[in-house]
C-alpha atoms as a PDB file:
ATOM      1  CA  MET A   1      26.153  -7.650 187.264  1.00  0.00           C
ATOM      2  CA  ALA A   2      28.854  -5.324 189.006  1.00  0.00           C
ATOM      3  CA  VAL A   3      31.437  -5.978 186.750  1.00  0.00           C
ATOM      4  CA  GLY A   4      28.896  -6.039 183.749  1.00  0.00           C
ATOM      5  CA  ARG A   5      28.165  -2.258 185.160  1.00  0.00           C
ATOM      6  CA  GLY A   6      31.990  -1.561 185.952  1.00  0.00           C
ATOM      7  CA  ASN A   7      32.276  -2.646 181.659  1.00  0.00           C
ATOM      8  CA  SER A   8      29.690  -0.271 180.194  1.00  0.00           C
ATOM      9  CA  LEU A   9      31.787   1.876 182.292  1.00  0.00           C
ATOM     10  CA  ASN A  10      34.979   1.198 180.925  1.00  0.00           C
ATOM     11  CA  LEU A  11      36.325   0.355 184.673  1.00  0.00           C
ATOM     12  CA  ASN A  12      38.084  -2.694 182.788  1.00  0.00           C
ATOM     13  CA  ARG A  13      40.746   0.123 180.917  1.00  0.00           C
ATOM     14  CA  VAL A  14      42.924   1.874 183.444  1.00  0.00           C
ATOM     15  CA  LEU A  15      45.948   4.321 182.498  1.00  0.00           C
ATOM     16  CA  VAL A  16      48.481   4.796 184.740  1.00  0.00           C
ATOM     17  CA  PRO A  17      51.459   7.423 183.416  1.00  0.00           C
ATOM     18  CA  LEU A  18      54.644   6.467 184.720  1.00  0.00           C
ATOM     19  CA  ASN A  19      57.594   9.568 184.716  1.00  0.00           C
ATOM     20  CA  GLY A  20      60.032   6.975 185.823  1.00  0.00           C
ATOM     21  CA  PHE A  21      60.170   7.523 189.510  1.00  0.00           C
ATOM     22  CA  ARG A  22      59.296   5.202 191.663  1.00  0.00           C
ATOM     23  CA  ARG A  23      56.690   7.668 194.029  1.00  0.00           C
ATOM     24  CA  SER A  24      54.837   7.056 190.166  1.00  0.00           C
ATOM     25  CA  GLU A  25      54.676   3.328 190.451  1.00  0.00           C
ATOM     26  CA  GLN A  26      53.246   3.362 193.987  1.00  0.00           C
ATOM     27  CA  VAL A  27      49.881   3.515 192.448  1.00  0.00           C
ATOM     28  CA  LEU A  28      49.983   0.107 190.416  1.00  0.00           C
ATOM     29  CA  PRO A  29      48.842  -2.159 193.046  1.00  0.00           C
ATOM     30  CA  PHE A  30      45.727  -0.086 193.013  1.00  0.00           C
ATOM     31  CA  ALA A  31      45.564   0.216 189.304  1.00  0.00           C
ATOM     32  CA  SER A  32      45.790  -3.594 189.219  1.00  0.00           C
ATOM     33  CA  MET A  33      42.712  -3.933 191.706  1.00  0.00           C
ATOM     34  CA  MET A  34      40.599  -2.334 189.554  1.00  0.00           C
ATOM     35  CA  ALA A  35      42.310  -4.478 186.518  1.00  0.00           C
ATOM     36  CA  ASP A  36      41.286  -7.725 188.286  1.00  0.00           C
ATOM     37  CA  TRP A  37      38.099  -6.619 189.565  1.00  0.00           C
ATOM     38  CA  PHE A  38      36.603  -6.225 185.813  1.00  0.00           C
ATOM     39  CA  SER A  39      39.019  -8.930 183.766  1.00  0.00           C
ATOM     40  CA  GLY A  40      40.775  -6.028 182.349  1.00  0.00           C
ATOM     41  CA  GLU A  41      44.307  -4.605 181.607  1.00  0.00           C
ATOM     42  CA  ILE A  42      45.856  -1.216 181.953  1.00  0.00           C
ATOM     43  CA  THR A  43      48.229   0.686 179.674  1.00  0.00           C
ATOM     44  CA  LEU A  44      50.841   1.930 181.591  1.00  0.00           C
ATOM     45  CA  PHE A  45      52.026   5.620 179.224  1.00  0.00           C
ATOM     46  CA  HIS A  46      54.701   7.701 178.885  1.00  0.00           C
ATOM     47  CA  SER A  47      54.661  11.141 177.604  1.00  0.00           C
ATOM     48  CA  LEU A  48      57.940  12.689 176.502  1.00  0.00           C
ATOM     49  CA  PRO A  49      58.860  16.827 176.275  1.00  0.00           C
ATOM     50  CA  PRO A  50      57.911  18.365 173.028  1.00  0.00           C
ATOM     51  CA  THR A  51      61.569  19.255 171.443  1.00  0.00           C
ATOM     52  CA  HIS A  52      62.033  21.898 168.915  1.00  0.00           C
ATOM     53  CA  PRO A  53      63.827  20.300 166.079  1.00  0.00           C
ATOM     54  CA  ALA A  54      66.567  22.880 165.894  1.00  0.00           C
ATOM     55  CA  ARG A  55      67.762  22.551 169.008  1.00  0.00           C
ATOM     56  CA  GLY A  56      71.026  22.878 169.932  1.00  0.00           C
ATOM     57  CA  ALA A  57      71.652  22.997 166.404  1.00  0.00           C
ATOM     58  CA  ARG A  58      74.955  24.645 165.452  1.00  0.00           C
ATOM     59  CA  PRO A  59      76.048  26.229 162.333  1.00  0.00           C
ATOM     60  CA  GLY A  60      78.189  24.107 160.090  1.00  0.00           C
ATOM     61  CA  GLN A  61      77.146  21.472 161.716  1.00  0.00           C
ATOM     62  CA  VAL A  62      75.013  17.773 160.862  1.00  0.00           C
ATOM     63  CA  HIS A  63      71.969  17.976 163.169  1.00  0.00           C
ATOM     64  CA  TYR A  64      69.406  14.956 163.560  1.00  0.00           C
ATOM     65  CA  PRO A  65      66.633  16.537 164.919  1.00  0.00           C
ATOM     66  CA  ASP A  66      64.381  12.706 165.846  1.00  0.00           C
ATOM     67  CA  ALA A  67      68.463  12.246 167.912  1.00  0.00           C
ATOM     68  CA  PRO A  68      66.420  13.714 170.745  1.00  0.00           C
ATOM     69  CA  HIS A  69      63.234  11.451 170.715  1.00  0.00           C
ATOM     70  CA  ASP A  70      64.884   8.145 169.779  1.00  0.00           C
ATOM     71  CA  ARG A  71      67.154   7.922 172.838  1.00  0.00           C
ATOM     72  CA  GLY A  72      63.906   9.206 174.874  1.00  0.00           C
ATOM     73  CA  THR A  73      61.727   6.344 173.176  1.00  0.00           C
ATOM     74  CA  SER A  74      64.139   4.020 173.213  1.00  0.00           C
ATOM     75  CA  LEU A  75      64.545   4.156 177.114  1.00  0.00           C
ATOM     76  CA  ALA A  76      61.053   5.289 178.095  1.00  0.00           C
ATOM     77  CA  ALA A  77      60.369   1.932 176.036  1.00  0.00           C
ATOM     78  CA  ALA A  78      62.608  -0.303 178.544  1.00  0.00           C
ATOM     79  CA  TYR A  79      61.632   0.969 181.561  1.00  0.00           C
ATOM     80  CA  LEU A  80      57.905   0.385 180.653  1.00  0.00           C
ATOM     81  CA  GLU A  81      58.395  -3.188 179.652  1.00  0.00           C
ATOM     82  CA  GLU A  82      60.637  -3.897 182.543  1.00  0.00           C
ATOM     83  CA  VAL A  83      57.722  -2.053 184.707  1.00  0.00           C
ATOM     84  CA  VAL A  84      54.992  -4.963 182.685  1.00  0.00           C
ATOM     85  CA  SER A  85      57.483  -8.105 182.897  1.00  0.00           C
ATOM     86  CA  ARG A  86      57.230  -7.147 186.810  1.00  0.00           C
ATOM     87  CA  LEU A  87      53.294  -6.934 186.323  1.00  0.00           C
ATOM     88  CA  GLY A  88      53.035  -9.837 184.019  1.00  0.00           C
ATOM     89  CA  PRO A  89      53.900 -12.612 187.642  1.00  0.00           C
ATOM     90  CA  HIS A  90      51.163 -11.064 189.700  1.00  0.00           C
ATOM     91  CA  GLY A  91      48.528 -12.242 186.785  1.00  0.00           C
ATOM     92  CA  VAL A  92      48.624  -8.465 185.789  1.00  0.00           C
ATOM     93  CA  LYS A  93      47.956  -7.846 182.344  1.00  0.00           C
ATOM     94  CA  SER A  94      49.162  -4.792 181.125  1.00  0.00           C
ATOM     95  CA  ARG A  95      50.981  -2.521 177.784  1.00  0.00           C
ATOM     96  CA  TRP A  96      52.189   0.416 177.424  1.00  0.00           C
ATOM     97  CA  GLY A  97      52.118   3.297 175.054  1.00  0.00           C
ATOM     98  CA  ILE A  98      54.633   6.419 174.801  1.00  0.00           C
ATOM     99  CA  ALA A  99      53.647  10.339 173.352  1.00  0.00           C
ATOM    100  CA  THR A 100      55.346  13.354 173.194  1.00  0.00           C
ATOM    101  CA  GLY A 101      54.238  16.528 174.208  1.00  0.00           C
ATOM    102  CA  ASN A 102      52.723  18.168 177.366  1.00  0.00           C
ATOM    103  CA  ALA A 103      52.135  15.100 179.444  1.00  0.00           C
ATOM    104  CA  ALA A 104      48.741  16.547 180.917  1.00  0.00           C
ATOM    105  CA  THR A 105      47.688  17.251 177.456  1.00  0.00           C
ATOM    106  CA  MET A 106      48.827  13.609 176.587  1.00  0.00           C
ATOM    107  CA  ILE A 107      47.350  12.016 178.993  1.00  0.00           C
ATOM    108  CA  ALA A 108      44.076  13.639 179.134  1.00  0.00           C
ATOM    109  CA  SER A 109      43.849  13.397 174.895  1.00  0.00           C
ATOM    110  CA  ARG A 110      44.512   9.517 175.223  1.00  0.00           C
ATOM    111  CA  SER A 111      42.206   8.682 178.244  1.00  0.00           C
ATOM    112  CA  ALA A 112      38.894  10.121 176.391  1.00  0.00           C
ATOM    113  CA  THR A 113      39.763   9.159 172.662  1.00  0.00           C
ATOM    114  CA  SER A 114      41.100   5.641 173.449  1.00  0.00           C
ATOM    115  CA  SER A 115      37.738   4.864 175.840  1.00  0.00           C
ATOM    116  CA  PHE A 116      39.631   4.495 179.270  1.00  0.00           C
ATOM    117  CA  GLY A 117      37.537   4.361 182.610  1.00  0.00           C
ATOM    118  CA  VAL A 118      40.398   5.312 184.728  1.00  0.00           C
ATOM    119  CA  VAL A 119      43.520   7.375 184.999  1.00  0.00           C
ATOM    120  CA  ALA A 120      45.384   6.407 188.408  1.00  0.00           C
ATOM    121  CA  ILE A 121      47.830   8.251 189.673  1.00  0.00           C
ATOM    122  CA  ALA A 122      50.302   8.525 192.530  1.00  0.00           C
ATOM    123  CA  THR A 123      50.527  12.047 193.690  1.00  0.00           C
ATOM    124  CA  THR A 124      50.327  14.389 196.331  1.00  0.00           C
ATOM    125  CA  ALA A 125      47.580  16.943 196.152  1.00  0.00           C
ATOM    126  CA  ARG A 126      48.996  20.152 196.193  1.00  0.00           C
ATOM    127  CA  SER A 127      47.782  23.586 198.391  1.00  0.00           C
ATOM    128  CA  ARG A 128      46.301  26.305 197.303  1.00  0.00           C
ATOM    129  CA  VAL A 129      49.175  28.315 197.584  1.00  0.00           C
ATOM    130  CA  HIS A 130      51.900  26.043 196.027  1.00  0.00           C
ATOM    131  CA  ARG A 131      49.393  24.977 193.256  1.00  0.00           C
ATOM    132  CA  PHE A 132      49.269  28.837 191.913  1.00  0.00           C
ATOM    133  CA  LEU A 133      52.597  29.444 192.103  1.00  0.00           C
ATOM    134  CA  SER A 134      54.165  26.321 190.329  1.00  0.00           C
ATOM    135  CA  PRO A 135      50.763  23.860 189.819  1.00  0.00           C
ATOM    136  CA  GLY A 136      51.752  19.602 189.610  1.00  0.00           C
ATOM    137  CA  LEU A 137      50.170  17.241 186.613  1.00  0.00           C
ATOM    138  CA  LEU A 138      47.267  16.669 189.058  1.00  0.00           C
ATOM    139  CA  ASP A 139      46.076  20.429 188.797  1.00  0.00           C
ATOM    140  CA  HIS A 140      46.455  20.421 185.121  1.00  0.00           C
ATOM    141  CA  LEU A 141      44.885  17.105 184.617  1.00  0.00           C
ATOM    142  CA  TRP A 142      42.203  18.832 187.131  1.00  0.00           C
ATOM    143  CA  ARG A 143      41.515  21.536 184.502  1.00  0.00           C
ATOM    144  CA  THR A 144      41.242  19.106 181.774  1.00  0.00           C
ATOM    145  CA  THR A 145      40.102  15.223 182.545  1.00  0.00           C
ATOM    146  CA  SER A 146      37.372  13.546 181.431  1.00  0.00           C
ATOM    147  CA  VAL A 147      38.271  10.741 182.410  1.00  0.00           C
ATOM    148  CA  PRO A 148      37.535   9.468 186.889  1.00  0.00           C
ATOM    149  CA  LEU A 149      40.859  10.169 188.359  1.00  0.00           C
ATOM    150  CA  LEU A 150      42.048   7.310 190.473  1.00  0.00           C
ATOM    151  CA  ILE A 151      44.167   9.776 192.611  1.00  0.00           C
ATOM    152  CA  VAL A 152      46.984   7.734 195.930  1.00  0.00           C
ATOM    153  CA  ASN A 153      49.250   9.854 197.925  1.00  0.00           C
ATOM    154  CA  PRO A 154      52.602   7.857 197.357  1.00  0.00           C
ATOM    155  CA  HIS A 155      53.059   9.019 201.160  1.00  0.00           C
ATOM    156  CA  HIS A 156      50.827   6.125 202.545  1.00  0.00           C
ATOM    157  CA  ALA A 157      51.658   4.332 199.806  1.00  0.00           C
ATOM    158  CA  THR A 158      54.445   1.792 199.622  1.00  0.00           C
ATOM    159  CA  LEU A 159      55.786  -0.761 197.156  1.00  0.00           C
ATOM    160  CA  ASN A 160      58.342  -2.291 199.865  1.00  0.00           C
ATOM    161  CA  GLY A 161      56.170  -3.856 201.942  1.00  0.00           C
ATOM    162  CA  GLU A 162      53.088  -5.755 202.205  1.00  0.00           C
ATOM    163  CA  PRO A 163      51.317  -5.180 199.349  1.00  0.00           C
ATOM    164  CA  PRO A 164      47.708  -3.292 200.062  1.00  0.00           C
ATOM    165  CA  GLN A 165      44.747  -4.882 200.829  1.00  0.00           C
ATOM    166  CA  GLY A 166      41.472  -4.487 198.856  1.00  0.00           C
ATOM    167  CA  PRO A 167      38.565  -2.833 200.280  1.00  0.00           C
ATOM    168  CA  SER A 168      35.975  -3.983 202.351  1.00  0.00           C
ATOM    169  CA  THR A 169      34.770  -0.702 202.172  1.00  0.00           C
ATOM    170  CA  ILE A 170      33.613   1.606 199.705  1.00  0.00           C
ATOM    171  CA  ILE A 171      32.965   5.171 201.165  1.00  0.00           C
ATOM    172  CA  VAL A 172      30.829   7.945 198.953  1.00  0.00           C
ATOM    173  CA  ALA A 173      31.040  11.623 199.448  1.00  0.00           C
ATOM    174  CA  CYS A 174      27.140  12.749 198.379  1.00  0.00           C
ATOM    175  CA  THR A 175      27.404  16.694 198.144  1.00  0.00           C
ATOM    176  CA  GLN A 176      24.574  18.704 196.525  1.00  0.00           C
ATOM    177  CA  GLY A 177      24.665  18.124 192.235  1.00  0.00           C
ATOM    178  CA  SER A 178      27.719  16.772 192.053  1.00  0.00           C
ATOM    179  CA  THR A 179      27.165  12.796 193.364  1.00  0.00           C
ATOM    180  CA  ASP A 180      25.200  11.205 190.055  1.00  0.00           C
ATOM    181  CA  SER A 181      27.967  10.859 187.903  1.00  0.00           C
ATOM    182  CA  ALA A 182      30.098   8.462 191.224  1.00  0.00           C
ATOM    183  CA  LEU A 183      27.382   6.547 192.430  1.00  0.00           C
ATOM    184  CA  PRO A 184      26.951   4.060 189.103  1.00  0.00           C
ATOM    185  CA  ILE A 185      31.549   3.666 189.379  1.00  0.00           C
ATOM    186  CA  ALA A 186      30.629   3.462 193.581  1.00  0.00           C
ATOM    187  CA  SER A 187      28.280   0.672 193.222  1.00  0.00           C
ATOM    188  CA  ALA A 188      30.701  -1.366 190.307  1.00  0.00           C
ATOM    189  CA  ILE A 189      33.661  -0.813 192.317  1.00  0.00           C
ATOM    190  CA  ALA A 190      31.891  -1.842 195.693  1.00  0.00           C
ATOM    191  CA  GLY A 191      30.261  -4.922 194.396  1.00  0.00           C
ATOM    192  CA  ALA A 192      32.918  -5.888 191.746  1.00  0.00           C
ATOM    193  CA  SER A 193      35.656  -5.498 195.410  1.00  0.00           C
ATOM    194  CA  LYS A 194      32.500  -7.259 197.627  1.00  0.00           C
ATOM    195  CA  SER A 195      32.485  -4.327 199.638  1.00  0.00           C
ATOM    196  CA  THR A 196      29.867  -2.650 201.329  1.00  0.00           C
ATOM    197  CA  VAL A 197      28.738   0.611 200.591  1.00  0.00           C
ATOM    198  CA  LYS A 198      28.626   3.597 203.907  1.00  0.00           C
ATOM    199  CA  ILE A 199      27.992   6.912 202.106  1.00  0.00           C
ATOM    200  CA  ILE A 200      28.275  10.096 204.045  1.00  0.00           C
ATOM    201  CA  LEU A 201      25.680  12.559 203.288  1.00  0.00           C
ATOM    202  CA  ALA A 202      26.371  16.212 203.333  1.00  0.00           C
ATOM    203  CA  LYS A 203      23.045  18.041 205.120  1.00  0.00           C
ATOM    204  CA  GLU A 204      22.611  20.263 201.671  1.00  0.00           C
ATOM    205  CA  ALA A 205      22.436  16.866 199.922  1.00  0.00           C
ATOM    206  CA  SER A 206      20.243  15.610 202.727  1.00  0.00           C
ATOM    207  CA  SER A 207      16.559  14.307 202.534  1.00  0.00           C
ATOM    208  CA  GLY A 208      14.608  11.878 203.338  1.00  0.00           C
ATOM    209  CA  GLU A 209      13.317  11.175 199.740  1.00  0.00           C
ATOM    210  CA  SER A 210      17.148  11.466 198.681  1.00  0.00           C
ATOM    211  CA  GLU A 211      18.324   8.924 201.323  1.00  0.00           C
ATOM    212  CA  ASP A 212      15.898   6.331 199.994  1.00  0.00           C
ATOM    213  CA  GLU A 213      16.343   6.987 196.557  1.00  0.00           C
ATOM    214  CA  LEU A 214      20.562   6.184 197.084  1.00  0.00           C
ATOM    215  CA  ILE A 215      19.325   3.248 199.786  1.00  0.00           C
ATOM    216  CA  ASN A 216      17.262   2.150 196.722  1.00  0.00           C
ATOM    217  CA  SER A 217      20.181   2.304 194.186  1.00  0.00           C
ATOM    218  CA  PHE A 218      22.379   0.244 195.648  1.00  0.00           C
ATOM    219  CA  ALA A 219      20.275  -2.238 197.312  1.00  0.00           C
ATOM    220  CA  ALA A 220      19.354  -2.436 193.370  1.00  0.00           C
ATOM    221  CA  ASP A 221      22.562  -4.255 192.957  1.00  0.00           C
ATOM    222  CA  GLY A 222      22.490  -6.149 196.274  1.00  0.00           C
ATOM    223  CA  LEU A 223      24.748  -4.035 198.356  1.00  0.00           C
ATOM    224  CA  GLU A 224      24.783  -3.679 201.870  1.00  0.00           C
ATOM    225  CA  VAL A 225      23.955   0.283 202.389  1.00  0.00           C
ATOM    226  CA  GLU A 226      24.563   2.639 205.558  1.00  0.00           C
ATOM    227  CA  ILE A 227      24.012   6.406 205.324  1.00  0.00           C
ATOM    228  CA  GLU A 228      25.849   8.576 207.849  1.00  0.00           C
ATOM    229  CA  GLN A 229      24.655  12.211 208.189  1.00  0.00           C
ATOM    230  CA  GLY A 230      26.995  14.352 206.771  1.00  0.00           C
ATOM    231  CA  SER A 231      28.413  16.896 209.836  1.00  0.00           C
ATOM    232  CA  LYS A 232      29.715  20.945 209.940  1.00  0.00           C
ATOM    233  CA  ASP A 233      33.138  19.421 209.298  1.00  0.00           C
ATOM    234  CA  PHE A 234      32.102  17.271 206.005  1.00  0.00           C
ATOM    235  CA  VAL A 235      35.556  16.746 204.649  1.00  0.00           C
ATOM    236  CA  SER A 236      37.220  15.899 208.198  1.00  0.00           C
ATOM    237  CA  GLN A 237      34.434  13.458 208.988  1.00  0.00           C
ATOM    238  CA  VAL A 238      35.139  11.754 205.639  1.00  0.00           C
ATOM    239  CA  LEU A 239      38.490  11.229 206.103  1.00  0.00           C
ATOM    240  CA  ASP A 240      38.386  10.218 209.743  1.00  0.00           C
ATOM    241  CA  ILE A 241      36.057   7.316 207.955  1.00  0.00           C
ATOM    242  CA  GLN A 242      38.760   6.489 206.116  1.00  0.00           C
ATOM    243  CA  SER A 243      41.258   6.067 208.793  1.00  0.00           C
ATOM    244  CA  GLN A 244      38.545   3.733 210.654  1.00  0.00           C
ATOM    245  CA  HIS A 245      38.644   1.798 207.922  1.00  0.00           C
ATOM    246  CA  PRO A 246      42.366   0.857 206.598  1.00  0.00           C
ATOM    247  CA  GLY A 247      42.215   0.215 203.057  1.00  0.00           C
ATOM    248  CA  SER A 248      38.953   2.070 202.895  1.00  0.00           C
ATOM    249  CA  TRP A 249      38.192   3.703 198.992  1.00  0.00           C
ATOM    250  CA  VAL A 250      36.212   7.278 198.937  1.00  0.00           C
ATOM    251  CA  VAL A 251      34.432   7.829 195.253  1.00  0.00           C
ATOM    252  CA  ALA A 252      33.989  11.757 195.209  1.00  0.00           C
ATOM    253  CA  GLY A 253      32.102  13.842 192.659  1.00  0.00           C
ATOM    254  CA  SER A 254      33.318  16.628 191.489  1.00  0.00           C
ATOM    255  CA  LYS A 255      32.632  19.224 188.982  1.00  0.00           C
ATOM    256  CA  MET A 256      36.183  19.882 188.384  1.00  0.00           C
ATOM    257  CA  ARG A 257      36.122  23.744 189.228  1.00  0.00           C
ATOM    258  CA  SER A 258      39.922  25.320 188.525  1.00  0.00           C
ATOM    259  CA  GLY A 259      41.547  28.785 189.304  1.00  0.00           C
ATOM    260  CA  ILE A 260      38.968  31.198 190.277  1.00  0.00           C
ATOM    261  CA  ARG A 261      36.370  29.270 190.733  1.00  0.00           C
ATOM    262  CA  ARG A 262      38.331  26.598 192.503  1.00  0.00           C
ATOM    263  CA  THR A 263      39.715  29.507 195.160  1.00  0.00           C
ATOM    264  CA  ILE A 264      36.109  31.051 195.427  1.00  0.00           C
ATOM    265  CA  PHE A 265      33.856  28.314 195.607  1.00  0.00           C
ATOM    266  CA  GLY A 266      36.401  25.302 196.821  1.00  0.00           C
ATOM    267  CA  SER A 267      36.398  22.000 196.109  1.00  0.00           C
ATOM    268  CA  THR A 268      35.420  19.138 198.272  1.00  0.00           C
ATOM    269  CA  ALA A 269      37.525  16.220 196.724  1.00  0.00           C
ATOM    270  CA  ASP A 270      40.269  18.184 196.057  1.00  0.00           C
ATOM    271  CA  MET A 271      40.518  18.921 200.019  1.00  0.00           C
ATOM    272  CA  ILE A 272      39.659  15.294 200.729  1.00  0.00           C
ATOM    273  CA  ALA A 273      42.701  14.161 198.183  1.00  0.00           C
ATOM    274  CA  ARG A 274      44.876  16.241 199.619  1.00  0.00           C
ATOM    275  CA  GLU A 275      44.624  14.742 203.102  1.00  0.00           C
ATOM    276  CA  ALA A 276      42.971  11.051 202.087  1.00  0.00           C
ATOM    277  CA  VAL A 277      44.909   8.136 203.922  1.00  0.00           C
ATOM    278  CA  GLY A 278      43.973   5.797 200.859  1.00  0.00           C
ATOM    279  CA  PRO A 279      42.260   6.208 197.407  1.00  0.00           C
ATOM    280  CA  ILE A 280      40.587   8.778 195.965  1.00  0.00           C
ATOM    281  CA  LEU A 281      38.405   7.984 192.928  1.00  0.00           C
ATOM    282  CA  VAL A 282      36.799  11.422 191.598  1.00  0.00           C
ATOM    283  CA  VAL A 283      34.617  11.768 189.380  1.00  0.00           C
ATOM    284  CA  PRO A 284      33.832  14.849 187.034  1.00  0.00           C
ATOM    285  CA  ASP A 285      30.344  15.970 186.947  1.00  0.00           C
ATOM    286  CA  SER A 286      28.727  14.662 184.063  1.00  0.00           C
ATOM    287  CA  ASP A 287      28.118  17.509 182.224  1.00  0.00           C
ATOM    288  CA  VAL A 288      32.112  18.097 182.366  1.00  0.00           C
ATOM    289  CA  MET A 289      32.265  15.033 181.190  1.00  0.00           C
ATOM    290  CA  ARG A 290      30.702  15.667 178.128  1.00  0.00           C
ATOM    291  CA  LYS A 291      31.815  18.968 177.494  1.00  0.00           C
ATOM    292  CA  ARG A 292      35.732  18.298 177.863  1.00  0.00           C
ATOM    293  CA  ALA A 293      35.543  14.524 175.696  1.00  0.00           C
ATOM    294  CA  ARG A 294      33.873  16.935 172.611  1.00  0.00           C
ATOM    295  CA  SER A 295      37.047  18.962 173.758  1.00  0.00           C
ATOM    296  CA  ALA A 296      39.286  16.067 173.438  1.00  0.00           C
ATOM    297  CA  HIS A 297      38.239  14.746 170.540  1.00  0.00           C
ATOM    298  CA  GLU A 298      37.781  17.884 168.424  1.00  0.00           C
ATOM    299  CA  ALA A 299      41.708  18.376 169.520  1.00  0.00           C
ATOM    300  CA  THR A 300      42.336  14.986 167.997  1.00  0.00           C
ATOM    301  CA  ARG A 301      40.915  16.126 164.835  1.00  0.00           C
ATOM    302  CA  ASN A 302      42.621  19.207 164.509  1.00  0.00           C
ATOM    303  CA  LEU A 303      45.396  17.547 165.249  1.00  0.00           C
ATOM    304  CA  ALA A 304      45.206  14.929 162.387  1.00  0.00           C
ATOM    305  CA  THR A 305      44.518  17.461 160.182  1.00  0.00           C
ATOM    306  CA  SER A 306      47.374  19.562 160.565  1.00  0.00           C
ATOM    307  CA  ILE A 307      49.668  16.982 159.719  1.00  0.00           C
END
C-alpha cells in the first residue's frame, strides 16, 4: 500500500542535481534509499551556465559559439556517467541529464514538467543575513520549486565512512495550515521504509479532533503512530528528537515563503533545515505546488514557441 501511494506521488522518481563536487554527492545514499523503497530510479542532473554566442570573439577571428558548450557537455557527461557506474553495483537504477541555463530554473522546470516526486540536494541552508547578501541554490529553489525538497547537510553525511542506515523513525513536524500536503508523503515513506511515525504537533495546530484525524490517517495505512505536543520552542524540539533518533528523517510542510515575507513571518521548515542533523523533506503547500507547477509548464511552452 505504501509503495503504491508513493508511486502515485512520483516518489519513485528522484532528481539529484550534482555540480561535480563531492559535497553535492553526499545526498546520493539518501536518494538511493528512496529509489529502493519505491522500486524506482534517480536521475542525476547537471546544469551548464549559459554563455553568450559572441563571448570571447575578436575581430578577424573565427569563432565557434558552441565550442564552450561542447567541452562543458563532454566533461559533464563523463562525470555523470562515472557516478552512474558507481551506483550500478549497489543495485541503484540511475540515468543522467544535462541542461544549459540558470541551475535553479532548470531544476525547477525539469522536476515539474518531467513529473519528478522529489528533488534531492546536499547543501547547507544559509542564515537570513547570508542568503540576502549571497543567495545559494537552495534559496533560489525555495522560491521556485513545485516539488518536495530532500535536503541533506553535507556536514552530517559522509561518503568516506559507513553508509547511512535507513530510518527507523519518520518525524512529522505539524504546524497549522502547512501540513496537509506532507501527510501522504510521510505515510508513504514510513510504510515503504518500515518506520514508525512520530508526530510533533505545534500548539496552534493542536486539538483533540486534529489528533484523532492524524492518528486515523496513519493507522489506516497500518503504521505505528505517536503524537507529542509541541513546546514553545517547536524547532528545537523537532531537532532534539531527530538527534535522539539517529538516522531519522523529518517531513515538514511549508508555504515556501521567500524574501520579505519569509523574513517577517519566518519559516519553520527553513529553521529546521538549517540545523537538522539528518535528512529533512520539505513539502510545499498544495496551493503553492499547483501555482508553481502551472508556471513551470507555461514557461516551458513559451520557451518552445520562441525557438
